Amino acid sequence: MLVCLDAPYVDTSAADLSLALGGPELPALAVRDIDLPGLPRLRLRLLGASHQVVLGTLTETVACLPGRPPHLPGTLHDEAAGYRFLATVLRPEGDGLRIRVAALRAELAEDPYALIGVFPGDEDAVTALSVRPAPPDGVLAWRTWHAYPQTNELVLTETVVEEL
């Protein structure tokens, strides 16, 4: 689902992002609930230039969080909780960011398992979330993209939750 947002894009960069697990649902610009057979409801939430995913008691937030120093780990693996998180920051050369964002928008625009927000002022300022629609038993995975055209950065995250 493609959403053209009317809220201003938060002028941040990848260096401003943090990962937080737990905590309350933050005010959202757009929300998409996804029901997959045999799994708790998954809620995809756009928060300005960031995201939040809620799955049962798990809340994952990637955002510039007030009062919290920026820290987006490249990897986080909590084996006991069955939670894995990966983050990569890309800085494409030339038109690379624009080309990647255009492809992402086209790929996810009509995807019933995705939410993509386009911010006013720059069509390359997007935040997108997509869940794997047919996960193996007991596993759920989602990916996110945060495009920052002002700094030519694309933040990619992938989360896998096991033993649901």
N, C-alpha and C. Protein backbone atom coordinates (compact mmCIF):
# COMPACT_ATOMS: atom_id res chain seq x y z
N MET A 1 0.85 -1.17 0.00
CA MET A 1 0.00 0.00 0.00
C MET A 1 0.89 1.23 0.00
N LEU A 2 0.68 2.12 -0.94
CA LEU A 2 1.43 3.35 -1.07
C LEU A 2 0.60 4.48 -0.47
N VAL A 3 1.22 5.24 0.43
CA VAL A 3 0.54 6.35 1.10
C VAL A 3 1.34 7.61 0.84
N CYS A 4 0.69 8.63 0.28
CA CYS A 4 1.33 9.94 0.14
C CYS A 4 1.01 10.71 1.41
N LEU A 5 2.02 11.00 2.17
CA LEU A 5 1.84 11.60 3.48
C LEU A 5 1.81 13.11 3.37
N ASP A 6 1.07 13.75 4.27
CA ASP A 6 1.04 15.20 4.27
C ASP A 6 1.88 15.79 5.40
N ALA A 7 2.41 14.95 6.26
CA ALA A 7 3.27 15.42 7.34
C ALA A 7 4.66 15.69 6.77
N PRO A 8 5.34 16.69 7.29
CA PRO A 8 6.69 16.98 6.78
C PRO A 8 7.64 15.84 7.12
N TYR A 9 8.60 15.66 6.24
CA TYR A 9 9.64 14.67 6.42
C TYR A 9 10.58 15.15 7.52
N VAL A 10 10.90 14.28 8.45
CA VAL A 10 11.80 14.63 9.53
C VAL A 10 13.21 14.66 8.97
N ASP A 11 13.89 15.79 9.08
CA ASP A 11 15.22 15.97 8.50
C ASP A 11 16.26 15.31 9.41
N THR A 12 16.48 14.02 9.18
CA THR A 12 17.45 13.26 9.96
C THR A 12 18.35 12.52 8.98
N SER A 13 19.19 11.68 9.53
CA SER A 13 20.03 10.82 8.71
C SER A 13 20.14 9.47 9.41
N ALA A 14 20.81 8.54 8.76
CA ALA A 14 21.01 7.23 9.34
C ALA A 14 21.72 7.33 10.69
N ALA A 15 22.59 8.30 10.83
CA ALA A 15 23.36 8.46 12.07
C ALA A 15 22.48 8.82 13.26
N ASP A 16 21.26 9.29 13.01
CA ASP A 16 20.35 9.70 14.08
C ASP A 16 19.45 8.57 14.58
N LEU A 17 19.47 7.42 13.90
CA LEU A 17 18.53 6.34 14.22
C LEU A 17 18.98 5.50 15.40
N SER A 18 18.00 4.98 16.12
CA SER A 18 18.21 4.03 17.20
C SER A 18 17.24 2.87 17.01
N LEU A 19 17.59 1.74 17.60
CA LEU A 19 16.69 0.60 17.67
C LEU A 19 16.21 0.51 19.11
N ALA A 20 14.91 0.42 19.29
CA ALA A 20 14.33 0.21 20.62
C ALA A 20 13.37 -0.97 20.55
N LEU A 21 13.47 -1.84 21.53
CA LEU A 21 12.55 -2.96 21.67
C LEU A 21 11.70 -2.72 22.89
N GLY A 22 10.41 -2.95 22.77
CA GLY A 22 9.48 -2.65 23.85
C GLY A 22 9.04 -1.21 23.76
N GLY A 23 8.33 -0.78 24.73
CA GLY A 23 7.85 0.60 24.76
C GLY A 23 6.49 0.74 24.11
N PRO A 24 5.92 1.93 24.23
CA PRO A 24 4.57 2.16 23.72
C PRO A 24 4.55 2.40 22.22
N GLU A 25 3.35 2.26 21.66
CA GLU A 25 3.16 2.65 20.27
C GLU A 25 3.24 4.17 20.21
N LEU A 26 4.05 4.68 19.30
CA LEU A 26 4.23 6.12 19.13
C LEU A 26 3.21 6.65 18.13
N PRO A 27 2.97 7.96 18.12
CA PRO A 27 2.03 8.52 17.13
C PRO A 27 2.48 8.15 15.71
N ALA A 28 1.54 7.66 14.92
CA ALA A 28 1.86 7.17 13.58
C ALA A 28 1.21 8.04 12.51
N LEU A 29 1.90 8.14 11.37
CA LEU A 29 1.36 8.83 10.20
C LEU A 29 0.49 7.90 9.36
N ALA A 30 0.80 6.61 9.40
CA ALA A 30 0.02 5.60 8.69
C ALA A 30 0.23 4.26 9.38
N VAL A 31 -0.81 3.42 9.34
CA VAL A 31 -0.76 2.10 9.98
C VAL A 31 -1.38 1.08 9.03
N ARG A 32 -0.79 -0.11 9.01
CA ARG A 32 -1.38 -1.20 8.25
C ARG A 32 -1.33 -2.45 9.11
N ASP A 33 -2.50 -3.04 9.38
CA ASP A 33 -2.58 -4.29 10.12
C ASP A 33 -2.58 -5.44 9.13
N ILE A 34 -1.79 -6.47 9.47
CA ILE A 34 -1.68 -7.64 8.60
C ILE A 34 -1.97 -8.88 9.42
N ASP A 35 -2.92 -9.67 8.95
CA ASP A 35 -3.26 -10.93 9.59
C ASP A 35 -2.73 -12.07 8.74
N LEU A 36 -1.90 -12.90 9.35
CA LEU A 36 -1.37 -14.09 8.70
C LEU A 36 -1.88 -15.30 9.47
N PRO A 37 -2.29 -16.36 8.79
CA PRO A 37 -2.86 -17.52 9.48
C PRO A 37 -1.91 -18.09 10.54
N GLY A 38 -2.47 -18.30 11.73
CA GLY A 38 -1.71 -18.93 12.81
C GLY A 38 -0.72 -18.04 13.53
N LEU A 39 -0.71 -16.74 13.19
CA LEU A 39 0.24 -15.82 13.81
C LEU A 39 -0.51 -14.66 14.45
N PRO A 40 0.10 -14.02 15.46
CA PRO A 40 -0.52 -12.81 16.01
C PRO A 40 -0.60 -11.73 14.93
N ARG A 41 -1.54 -10.81 15.08
CA ARG A 41 -1.67 -9.69 14.15
C ARG A 41 -0.37 -8.89 14.14
N LEU A 42 0.05 -8.51 12.97
CA LEU A 42 1.25 -7.70 12.78
C LEU A 42 0.80 -6.30 12.40
N ARG A 43 1.34 -5.31 13.05
CA ARG A 43 0.98 -3.91 12.78
C ARG A 43 2.21 -3.17 12.28
N LEU A 44 2.14 -2.70 11.03
CA LEU A 44 3.20 -1.89 10.43
C LEU A 44 2.83 -0.43 10.63
N ARG A 45 3.79 0.37 11.16
CA ARG A 45 3.49 1.76 11.50
C ARG A 45 4.58 2.69 10.96
N LEU A 46 4.17 3.73 10.24
CA LEU A 46 5.10 4.76 9.76
C LEU A 46 5.15 5.89 10.77
N LEU A 47 6.36 6.25 11.19
CA LEU A 47 6.56 7.32 12.17
C LEU A 47 7.49 8.37 11.57
N GLY A 48 6.99 9.28 10.79
CA GLY A 48 7.90 10.25 10.18
C GLY A 48 8.92 9.52 9.33
N ALA A 49 10.18 9.75 9.59
CA ALA A 49 11.25 9.09 8.83
C ALA A 49 11.70 7.83 9.54
N SER A 50 10.76 7.12 10.12
CA SER A 50 11.10 5.95 10.90
C SER A 50 9.94 4.96 10.86
N HIS A 51 10.11 3.85 11.60
CA HIS A 51 9.04 2.85 11.61
C HIS A 51 8.89 2.22 12.98
N GLN A 52 7.76 1.55 13.12
CA GLN A 52 7.49 0.74 14.30
C GLN A 52 6.70 -0.48 13.82
N VAL A 53 7.09 -1.66 14.33
CA VAL A 53 6.38 -2.90 14.04
C VAL A 53 5.93 -3.47 15.37
N VAL A 54 4.66 -3.82 15.45
CA VAL A 54 4.10 -4.39 16.67
C VAL A 54 3.59 -5.79 16.33
N LEU A 55 4.05 -6.76 17.12
CA LEU A 55 3.65 -8.15 16.94
C LEU A 55 3.44 -8.73 18.33
N GLY A 56 2.19 -8.87 18.73
CA GLY A 56 1.90 -9.37 20.07
C GLY A 56 2.52 -8.45 21.11
N THR A 57 3.40 -8.98 21.93
CA THR A 57 4.06 -8.17 22.97
C THR A 57 5.37 -7.55 22.49
N LEU A 58 5.79 -7.86 21.27
CA LEU A 58 7.02 -7.30 20.72
C LEU A 58 6.73 -5.98 20.01
N THR A 59 7.46 -4.96 20.37
CA THR A 59 7.41 -3.68 19.66
C THR A 59 8.83 -3.33 19.24
N GLU A 60 9.04 -3.21 17.93
CA GLU A 60 10.34 -2.82 17.38
C GLU A 60 10.20 -1.41 16.82
N THR A 61 11.05 -0.51 17.27
CA THR A 61 11.03 0.86 16.78
C THR A 61 12.41 1.21 16.26
N VAL A 62 12.47 1.69 15.03
CA VAL A 62 13.69 2.27 14.48
C VAL A 62 13.35 3.72 14.19
N ALA A 63 13.99 4.62 14.95
CA ALA A 63 13.63 6.04 14.85
C ALA A 63 14.70 6.89 15.52
N CYS A 64 14.58 8.18 15.33
CA CYS A 64 15.33 9.15 16.10
C CYS A 64 14.51 9.35 17.37
N LEU A 65 14.99 8.81 18.48
CA LEU A 65 14.21 8.78 19.71
C LEU A 65 14.71 9.82 20.70
N PRO A 66 13.87 10.76 21.08
CA PRO A 66 14.27 11.79 22.02
C PRO A 66 14.76 11.19 23.34
N GLY A 67 15.85 11.75 23.85
CA GLY A 67 16.39 11.30 25.12
C GLY A 67 17.19 10.01 25.03
N ARG A 68 17.36 9.51 23.83
CA ARG A 68 18.09 8.26 23.65
C ARG A 68 19.23 8.52 22.65
N PRO A 69 20.45 8.15 23.01
CA PRO A 69 21.55 8.38 22.06
C PRO A 69 21.36 7.53 20.81
N PRO A 70 21.71 8.07 19.65
CA PRO A 70 21.55 7.31 18.42
C PRO A 70 22.46 6.08 18.42
N HIS A 71 21.87 4.94 18.10
CA HIS A 71 22.64 3.71 17.95
C HIS A 71 21.79 2.70 17.21
N LEU A 72 22.16 2.44 15.98
CA LEU A 72 21.48 1.43 15.17
C LEU A 72 22.48 0.29 14.96
N PRO A 73 22.30 -0.81 15.67
CA PRO A 73 23.27 -1.90 15.56
C PRO A 73 23.23 -2.55 14.18
N GLY A 74 24.40 -2.97 13.71
CA GLY A 74 24.45 -3.71 12.45
C GLY A 74 23.78 -5.06 12.60
N THR A 75 23.95 -5.68 13.77
CA THR A 75 23.29 -6.95 14.07
C THR A 75 22.90 -6.98 15.54
N LEU A 76 21.82 -7.65 15.81
CA LEU A 76 21.38 -7.92 17.17
C LEU A 76 20.71 -9.28 17.13
N HIS A 77 21.18 -10.19 17.96
CA HIS A 77 20.61 -11.53 17.98
C HIS A 77 20.34 -11.91 19.43
N ASP A 78 19.09 -12.02 19.77
CA ASP A 78 18.67 -12.47 21.09
C ASP A 78 18.13 -13.88 20.91
N GLU A 79 19.01 -14.86 21.09
CA GLU A 79 18.64 -16.25 20.83
C GLU A 79 17.50 -16.71 21.74
N ALA A 80 17.54 -16.29 23.01
CA ALA A 80 16.50 -16.72 23.96
C ALA A 80 15.12 -16.21 23.53
N ALA A 81 15.06 -15.00 22.98
CA ALA A 81 13.79 -14.43 22.54
C ALA A 81 13.44 -14.82 21.11
N GLY A 82 14.39 -15.43 20.40
CA GLY A 82 14.14 -15.80 19.01
C GLY A 82 14.06 -14.58 18.10
N TYR A 83 14.86 -13.53 18.40
CA TYR A 83 14.79 -12.26 17.68
C TYR A 83 16.14 -11.97 17.03
N ARG A 84 16.11 -11.69 15.72
CA ARG A 84 17.32 -11.28 14.99
C ARG A 84 17.03 -10.01 14.21
N PHE A 85 17.96 -9.07 14.27
CA PHE A 85 17.83 -7.78 13.59
C PHE A 85 19.12 -7.50 12.86
N LEU A 86 19.01 -7.08 11.61
CA LEU A 86 20.16 -6.68 10.81
C LEU A 86 19.89 -5.30 10.22
N ALA A 87 20.90 -4.44 10.20
CA ALA A 87 20.76 -3.12 9.59
C ALA A 87 21.99 -2.83 8.74
N THR A 88 21.75 -2.21 7.59
CA THR A 88 22.81 -1.82 6.68
C THR A 88 22.50 -0.42 6.19
N VAL A 89 23.54 0.41 6.11
CA VAL A 89 23.38 1.75 5.56
C VAL A 89 24.12 1.80 4.23
N LEU A 90 23.39 2.12 3.17
CA LEU A 90 23.97 2.25 1.83
C LEU A 90 24.07 3.72 1.46
N ARG A 91 25.11 4.05 0.74
CA ARG A 91 25.29 5.40 0.19
C ARG A 91 25.56 5.25 -1.31
N PRO A 92 24.48 5.07 -2.09
CA PRO A 92 24.64 4.79 -3.52
C PRO A 92 25.30 5.97 -4.26
N GLU A 93 26.03 5.63 -5.30
CA GLU A 93 26.67 6.66 -6.10
C GLU A 93 25.72 7.17 -7.16
N GLY A 94 25.95 8.40 -7.59
CA GLY A 94 25.19 9.00 -8.69
C GLY A 94 23.70 8.99 -8.43
N ASP A 95 22.94 8.44 -9.40
CA ASP A 95 21.48 8.35 -9.30
C ASP A 95 21.02 7.10 -8.56
N GLY A 96 21.93 6.40 -7.91
CA GLY A 96 21.63 5.13 -7.28
C GLY A 96 20.48 5.17 -6.30
N LEU A 97 20.42 6.19 -5.46
CA LEU A 97 19.34 6.27 -4.48
C LEU A 97 18.00 6.46 -5.19
N ARG A 98 17.96 7.37 -6.13
CA ARG A 98 16.72 7.64 -6.86
C ARG A 98 16.24 6.37 -7.59
N ILE A 99 17.15 5.64 -8.21
CA ILE A 99 16.79 4.43 -8.94
C ILE A 99 16.28 3.36 -7.98
N ARG A 100 16.95 3.17 -6.86
CA ARG A 100 16.52 2.16 -5.87
C ARG A 100 15.15 2.50 -5.29
N VAL A 101 14.94 3.78 -4.98
CA VAL A 101 13.66 4.19 -4.39
C VAL A 101 12.53 4.02 -5.41
N ALA A 102 12.77 4.37 -6.66
CA ALA A 102 11.74 4.19 -7.70
C ALA A 102 11.37 2.72 -7.84
N ALA A 103 12.37 1.84 -7.83
CA ALA A 103 12.10 0.40 -7.93
C ALA A 103 11.33 -0.10 -6.71
N LEU A 104 11.70 0.38 -5.54
CA LEU A 104 11.02 -0.01 -4.30
C LEU A 104 9.56 0.43 -4.33
N ARG A 105 9.33 1.67 -4.71
CA ARG A 105 7.96 2.18 -4.79
C ARG A 105 7.12 1.35 -5.76
N ALA A 106 7.68 1.01 -6.91
CA ALA A 106 6.95 0.20 -7.89
C ALA A 106 6.68 -1.20 -7.35
N GLU A 107 7.65 -1.80 -6.69
CA GLU A 107 7.51 -3.16 -6.18
C GLU A 107 6.47 -3.26 -5.07
N LEU A 108 6.44 -2.27 -4.18
CA LEU A 108 5.60 -2.38 -2.98
C LEU A 108 4.25 -1.65 -3.07
N ALA A 109 4.03 -0.86 -4.10
CA ALA A 109 2.84 -0.01 -4.18
C ALA A 109 1.53 -0.77 -4.00
N GLU A 110 1.40 -1.94 -4.58
CA GLU A 110 0.16 -2.71 -4.51
C GLU A 110 0.31 -3.97 -3.66
N ASP A 111 1.41 -4.11 -2.95
CA ASP A 111 1.67 -5.30 -2.15
C ASP A 111 0.78 -5.29 -0.91
N PRO A 112 -0.07 -6.31 -0.71
CA PRO A 112 -0.97 -6.32 0.45
C PRO A 112 -0.24 -6.57 1.77
N TYR A 113 1.04 -6.87 1.71
CA TYR A 113 1.83 -7.12 2.92
C TYR A 113 2.87 -6.02 3.14
N ALA A 114 2.63 -4.84 2.56
CA ALA A 114 3.60 -3.76 2.65
C ALA A 114 2.91 -2.43 2.93
N LEU A 115 3.70 -1.51 3.43
CA LEU A 115 3.27 -0.13 3.66
C LEU A 115 4.44 0.76 3.27
N ILE A 116 4.19 1.70 2.38
CA ILE A 116 5.23 2.63 1.96
C ILE A 116 4.70 4.04 2.03
N GLY A 117 5.44 4.90 2.71
CA GLY A 117 5.06 6.29 2.85
C GLY A 117 5.99 7.19 2.06
N VAL A 118 5.40 8.08 1.26
CA VAL A 118 6.17 9.04 0.48
C VAL A 118 5.90 10.42 1.08
N PHE A 119 6.97 11.12 1.42
CA PHE A 119 6.84 12.39 2.10
C PHE A 119 6.82 13.55 1.11
N PRO A 120 6.11 14.64 1.44
CA PRO A 120 6.02 15.77 0.52
C PRO A 120 7.38 16.45 0.37
N GLY A 121 7.58 17.01 -0.81
CA GLY A 121 8.80 17.78 -1.05
C GLY A 121 9.89 17.01 -1.75
N ASP A 122 9.90 15.67 -1.62
CA ASP A 122 10.93 14.88 -2.30
C ASP A 122 10.40 13.46 -2.46
N GLU A 123 10.13 13.04 -3.69
CA GLU A 123 9.56 11.70 -3.92
C GLU A 123 10.51 10.59 -3.52
N ASP A 124 11.77 10.91 -3.28
CA ASP A 124 12.72 9.89 -2.82
C ASP A 124 12.79 9.80 -1.30
N ALA A 125 12.06 10.64 -0.60
CA ALA A 125 12.00 10.58 0.87
C ALA A 125 10.89 9.59 1.22
N VAL A 126 11.29 8.34 1.48
CA VAL A 126 10.31 7.29 1.75
C VAL A 126 10.73 6.48 2.97
N THR A 127 9.73 5.91 3.60
CA THR A 127 9.91 4.86 4.60
C THR A 127 8.98 3.73 4.17
N ALA A 128 9.51 2.52 4.10
CA ALA A 128 8.72 1.38 3.63
C ALA A 128 8.94 0.18 4.53
N LEU A 129 7.89 -0.62 4.67
CA LEU A 129 7.93 -1.85 5.46
C LEU A 129 7.26 -2.95 4.66
N SER A 130 7.79 -4.16 4.74
CA SER A 130 7.21 -5.28 4.03
C SER A 130 7.42 -6.55 4.83
N VAL A 131 6.36 -7.33 4.99
CA VAL A 131 6.43 -8.59 5.71
C VAL A 131 6.43 -9.74 4.71
N ARG A 132 7.15 -10.81 5.02
CA ARG A 132 7.15 -12.00 4.17
C ARG A 132 5.78 -12.66 4.30
N PRO A 133 5.02 -12.79 3.21
CA PRO A 133 3.64 -13.26 3.32
C PRO A 133 3.47 -14.74 3.64
N ALA A 134 4.45 -15.57 3.36
CA ALA A 134 4.29 -17.00 3.61
C ALA A 134 5.47 -17.52 4.43
N PRO A 135 5.51 -17.13 5.70
CA PRO A 135 6.66 -17.56 6.51
C PRO A 135 6.60 -19.05 6.83
N PRO A 136 7.77 -19.66 7.02
CA PRO A 136 7.75 -21.05 7.49
C PRO A 136 7.13 -21.10 8.88
N ASP A 137 6.65 -22.27 9.29
CA ASP A 137 6.01 -22.41 10.60
C ASP A 137 6.89 -21.85 11.71
N GLY A 138 6.29 -21.02 12.53
CA GLY A 138 6.97 -20.50 13.71
C GLY A 138 7.98 -19.40 13.45
N VAL A 139 8.03 -18.85 12.22
CA VAL A 139 8.99 -17.80 11.89
C VAL A 139 8.25 -16.68 11.16
N LEU A 140 8.57 -15.44 11.51
CA LEU A 140 8.03 -14.29 10.80
C LEU A 140 9.18 -13.35 10.50
N ALA A 141 9.18 -12.75 9.31
CA ALA A 141 10.25 -11.84 8.92
C ALA A 141 9.67 -10.61 8.24
N TRP A 142 10.34 -9.48 8.46
CA TRP A 142 9.97 -8.26 7.75
C TRP A 142 11.23 -7.48 7.41
N ARG A 143 11.08 -6.62 6.40
CA ARG A 143 12.17 -5.74 5.96
C ARG A 143 11.67 -4.31 5.98
N THR A 144 12.60 -3.37 6.16
CA THR A 144 12.25 -1.96 6.08
C THR A 144 13.31 -1.22 5.29
N TRP A 145 12.90 -0.08 4.75
CA TRP A 145 13.77 0.81 4.00
C TRP A 145 13.49 2.23 4.46
N HIS A 146 14.53 2.97 4.74
CA HIS A 146 14.43 4.37 5.12
C HIS A 146 15.34 5.15 4.17
N ALA A 147 14.77 5.96 3.30
CA ALA A 147 15.56 6.70 2.32
C ALA A 147 15.70 8.15 2.78
N TYR A 148 16.94 8.61 2.81
CA TYR A 148 17.28 9.98 3.21
C TYR A 148 17.97 10.67 2.04
N PRO A 149 17.19 11.28 1.14
CA PRO A 149 17.81 11.91 -0.03
C PRO A 149 18.73 13.08 0.33
N GLN A 150 18.47 13.76 1.44
CA GLN A 150 19.31 14.90 1.81
C GLN A 150 20.73 14.48 2.19
N THR A 151 20.91 13.21 2.60
CA THR A 151 22.25 12.70 2.93
C THR A 151 22.66 11.55 2.02
N ASN A 152 21.83 11.23 1.00
CA ASN A 152 22.08 10.14 0.06
C ASN A 152 22.31 8.82 0.79
N GLU A 153 21.41 8.51 1.72
CA GLU A 153 21.51 7.27 2.49
C GLU A 153 20.24 6.45 2.34
N LEU A 154 20.43 5.14 2.31
CA LEU A 154 19.32 4.20 2.33
C LEU A 154 19.61 3.20 3.44
N VAL A 155 18.76 3.19 4.46
CA VAL A 155 18.92 2.27 5.58
C VAL A 155 18.01 1.08 5.33
N LEU A 156 18.60 -0.10 5.32
CA LEU A 156 17.86 -1.35 5.13
C LEU A 156 17.89 -2.12 6.44
N THR A 157 16.74 -2.62 6.86
CA THR A 157 16.72 -3.49 8.04
C THR A 157 15.99 -4.78 7.68
N GLU A 158 16.34 -5.83 8.39
CA GLU A 158 15.63 -7.09 8.27
C GLU A 158 15.51 -7.69 9.66
N THR A 159 14.30 -8.11 9.99
CA THR A 159 14.04 -8.71 11.30
C THR A 159 13.44 -10.10 11.09
N VAL A 160 13.89 -11.04 11.91
CA VAL A 160 13.34 -12.39 11.92
C VAL A 160 12.95 -12.70 13.36
N VAL A 161 11.71 -13.13 13.54
CA VAL A 161 11.22 -13.54 14.86
C VAL A 161 10.84 -15.00 14.76
N GLU A 162 11.42 -15.83 15.62
CA GLU A 162 11.18 -17.26 15.61
C GLU A 162 10.36 -17.68 16.81
N GLU A 163 9.83 -18.87 16.75
CA GLU A 163 9.10 -19.48 17.86
C GLU A 163 7.92 -18.62 18.31
N LEU A 164 7.06 -18.29 17.36
CA LEU A 164 5.88 -17.48 17.68
C LEU A 164 4.81 -18.31 18.33
